Amino acid sequence: MTSVAQPPSPAVDVTVIHVRVSDPRVRPLLRELGHEYSTRYGKDAHAEISRYPDEEFTAPYGGLLLLLVERGEPVAGGAFRRYDATTAELKRIWTHSAHRRRGLARRVIAELEREAGTRGYRRIYLTTGPRQPEARGLYLATGYTPLFDTEAEPETIGPLPFEKHLQAEARTARTGKAADL
């Protein structure tokens, strides 16, 4: 009898939680991102993870870190930080290597966009590395506008910037204003 590997089932019972960077459930996110960056960009890639103080990913500073948790384990996550008075910057978008190809990254992005909108942000900005074609494809597929020549060789550009303007209805249920921070 031949067995064929089945794709992972879609996330049925995934919970979204807001956490601090110091929460132990964030460790898999940071560990895997560090490994990914180091594999693709070299040993100094860990500096990207620690570039911004942890506080920038908390509400008092205009940011957020969230995880998608399934059966008590983090399977995906991401964050945003205040870029300017009307713009949130997405950072640390991650899906656990054992849970990829399930739409979890799209869910993370949608949750971050929703939260950014409720906090009064009108625009999302992000960059991804030139050696991350999966991320580039994800951002294009989720409606982000590339702020670079998509025909150019990514390595000649450096970090690839994207933006997305949030829909007005995403901002109507505000719990606070980004400009007040």
Protein backbone atom coordinates (compact mmCIF):
# COMPACT_ATOMS: atom_id res chain seq x y z
CA MET A 1 0.00 0.00 0.00
CA THR A 2 1.32 3.42 -0.94
CA SER A 3 0.70 6.33 1.33
CA VAL A 4 0.52 9.88 0.05
CA ALA A 5 1.30 12.75 2.38
CA GLN A 6 -1.72 14.92 2.89
CA PRO A 7 -1.41 18.70 3.19
CA PRO A 8 -1.99 20.00 6.70
CA SER A 9 -5.59 20.70 7.54
CA PRO A 10 -6.60 24.34 7.63
CA ALA A 11 -6.51 26.06 10.98
CA VAL A 12 -9.91 25.29 12.45
CA ASP A 13 -9.33 26.09 16.08
CA VAL A 14 -6.79 28.90 15.98
CA THR A 15 -6.93 31.58 18.65
CA VAL A 16 -5.45 35.06 18.30
CA ILE A 17 -3.66 36.36 21.36
CA HIS A 18 -1.85 39.64 22.01
CA VAL A 19 1.45 39.15 23.83
CA ARG A 20 4.61 40.96 24.85
CA VAL A 21 7.94 40.07 23.24
CA SER A 22 9.01 38.65 26.62
CA ASP A 23 6.18 36.08 26.64
CA PRO A 24 7.72 32.57 26.42
CA ARG A 25 5.29 31.67 23.62
CA VAL A 26 7.13 34.17 21.38
CA ARG A 27 10.39 32.19 21.55
CA PRO A 28 9.58 29.87 18.59
CA LEU A 29 8.81 32.93 16.43
CA LEU A 30 12.10 34.63 17.28
CA ARG A 31 14.11 31.41 17.04
CA GLU A 32 12.77 30.46 13.61
CA LEU A 33 13.02 34.00 12.25
CA GLY A 34 16.63 34.15 13.42
CA HIS A 35 17.36 30.86 11.69
CA GLU A 36 15.60 31.94 8.48
CA TYR A 37 17.42 35.27 8.35
CA SER A 38 20.79 33.68 9.14
CA THR A 39 20.30 30.99 6.51
CA ARG A 40 19.37 33.52 3.84
CA TYR A 41 21.51 36.52 4.79
CA GLY A 42 24.38 35.31 6.97
CA LYS A 43 25.33 35.38 10.63
CA ASP A 44 24.63 39.08 11.19
CA ALA A 45 20.95 38.63 10.34
CA HIS A 46 20.03 38.26 14.04
CA ALA A 47 20.55 42.01 14.36
CA GLU A 48 17.34 42.54 12.39
CA ILE A 49 15.31 40.88 15.14
CA SER A 50 16.76 43.10 17.84
CA ARG A 51 16.81 46.31 15.79
CA TYR A 52 13.79 47.78 17.59
CA PRO A 53 13.20 47.87 21.34
CA ASP A 54 10.56 45.40 22.53
CA GLU A 55 8.44 48.30 23.84
CA GLU A 56 7.76 49.45 20.27
CA PHE A 57 5.55 46.39 19.89
CA THR A 58 3.26 47.38 22.77
CA ALA A 59 0.10 49.49 22.77
CA PRO A 60 1.55 52.44 24.73
CA TYR A 61 4.08 52.93 21.91
CA GLY A 62 1.60 52.32 19.09
CA GLY A 63 2.49 48.70 18.41
CA LEU A 64 1.27 45.15 18.81
CA LEU A 65 2.62 41.61 18.77
CA LEU A 66 0.16 38.81 18.17
CA LEU A 67 0.32 35.05 17.91
CA LEU A 68 -2.01 32.50 16.39
CA VAL A 69 -2.21 29.61 18.83
CA GLU A 70 -3.48 26.13 17.97
CA ARG A 71 -3.88 23.50 20.69
CA GLY A 72 -1.84 25.70 23.02
CA GLU A 73 1.13 26.06 20.66
CA PRO A 74 2.07 29.14 18.61
CA VAL A 75 1.76 28.40 14.90
CA ALA A 76 2.09 31.90 13.41
CA GLY A 77 2.55 35.48 14.46
CA GLY A 78 3.54 38.98 13.58
CA ALA A 79 3.78 42.50 14.85
CA PHE A 80 3.49 46.11 13.97
CA ARG A 81 5.13 49.22 15.32
CA ARG A 82 4.32 52.88 14.93
CA TYR A 83 6.07 54.15 11.80
CA ASP A 84 4.51 57.62 11.88
CA ALA A 85 1.27 59.24 13.04
CA THR A 86 -0.85 57.50 10.38
CA THR A 87 1.29 54.49 9.44
CA ALA A 88 1.93 51.14 11.12
CA GLU A 89 4.96 49.11 10.04
CA LEU A 90 4.57 45.33 9.88
CA LYS A 91 7.46 43.34 11.34
CA ARG A 92 8.29 39.76 12.27
CA ILE A 93 5.65 38.01 10.16
CA TRP A 94 6.17 34.31 10.83
CA THR A 95 4.58 30.91 10.32
CA HIS A 96 6.01 27.88 12.12
CA SER A 97 7.83 25.69 9.59
CA ALA A 98 5.55 22.71 10.38
CA HIS A 99 2.41 24.77 9.69
CA ARG A 100 3.12 26.52 6.41
CA ARG A 101 0.83 26.45 3.36
CA ARG A 102 -2.32 26.71 5.51
CA GLY A 103 -3.14 30.39 5.04
CA LEU A 104 -1.88 31.32 8.50
CA ALA A 105 0.34 34.16 7.28
CA ARG A 106 -2.65 35.69 5.48
CA ARG A 107 -4.61 35.45 8.71
CA VAL A 108 -1.79 37.13 10.65
CA ILE A 109 -1.69 39.98 8.14
CA ALA A 110 -5.48 40.39 8.23
CA GLU A 111 -5.46 40.48 12.05
CA LEU A 112 -2.62 43.02 12.11
CA GLU A 113 -4.38 45.21 9.54
CA ARG A 114 -7.62 45.06 11.53
CA GLU A 115 -5.86 45.99 14.77
CA ALA A 116 -3.92 48.79 13.09
CA GLY A 117 -7.16 50.17 11.66
CA THR A 118 -8.92 50.12 15.01
CA ARG A 119 -5.99 52.06 16.47
CA GLY A 120 -6.39 54.81 13.91
CA TYR A 121 -3.67 53.93 11.42
CA ARG A 122 -4.60 54.60 7.80
CA ARG A 123 -1.63 53.00 6.09
CA ILE A 124 0.57 49.94 6.50
CA TYR A 125 4.22 49.97 5.45
CA LEU A 126 6.63 47.04 5.43
CA THR A 127 9.85 45.81 3.93
CA THR A 128 11.00 42.30 3.21
CA GLY A 129 14.40 41.03 2.23
CA PRO A 130 15.35 40.42 -1.40
CA ARG A 131 16.01 36.74 -0.63
CA GLN A 132 12.48 36.10 0.61
CA PRO A 133 10.40 35.46 -2.53
CA GLU A 134 7.68 33.77 -0.46
CA ALA A 135 7.15 36.96 1.55
CA ARG A 136 7.19 39.09 -1.59
CA GLY A 137 4.51 36.85 -3.11
CA LEU A 138 2.44 36.96 0.08
CA TYR A 139 2.41 40.75 0.20
CA LEU A 140 1.52 41.05 -3.48
CA ALA A 141 -1.26 38.47 -3.04
CA THR A 142 -2.72 40.33 -0.05
CA GLY A 143 -3.05 43.65 -1.84
CA TYR A 144 0.18 45.44 -0.95
CA THR A 145 1.60 47.87 -3.49
CA PRO A 146 5.30 47.42 -4.23
CA LEU A 147 7.27 50.67 -3.84
CA PHE A 148 10.03 49.35 -6.08
CA ASP A 149 10.51 48.20 -9.66
CA THR A 150 9.14 44.65 -9.68
CA GLU A 151 11.08 43.90 -12.87
CA ALA A 152 14.44 44.69 -11.26
CA GLU A 153 16.60 41.98 -9.72
CA PRO A 154 15.67 42.03 -5.99
CA GLU A 155 19.32 41.83 -4.88
CA THR A 156 19.99 45.16 -6.62
CA ILE A 157 17.22 46.86 -4.63
CA GLY A 158 17.94 45.72 -1.08
CA PRO A 159 14.96 45.65 1.29
CA LEU A 160 11.75 45.56 -0.76
CA PRO A 161 9.25 48.18 0.46
CA PHE A 162 5.46 47.78 0.23
CA GLU A 163 2.46 49.80 1.36
CA LYS A 164 -1.27 49.34 1.72
CA HIS A 165 -3.90 51.92 2.53
CA LEU A 166 -6.47 50.62 4.98
CA GLN A 167 -10.14 50.75 4.11
CA ALA A 168 -12.14 53.43 5.94
CA GLU A 169 -14.46 50.80 7.46
CA ALA A 170 -11.44 49.12 9.09
CA ARG A 171 -10.90 52.33 11.03
CA THR A 172 -14.46 53.03 12.19
CA ALA A 173 -14.31 50.98 15.40
CA ARG A 174 -11.31 52.83 16.83
CA THR A 175 -10.20 52.16 20.35
CA GLY A 176 -7.57 54.88 20.12
CA LYS A 177 -5.85 57.12 17.62
CA ALA A 178 -2.36 56.47 16.38
CA ALA A 179 -1.77 60.22 16.05
CA ASP A 180 -2.32 60.65 19.81
CA LEU A 181 0.72 58.55 20.65
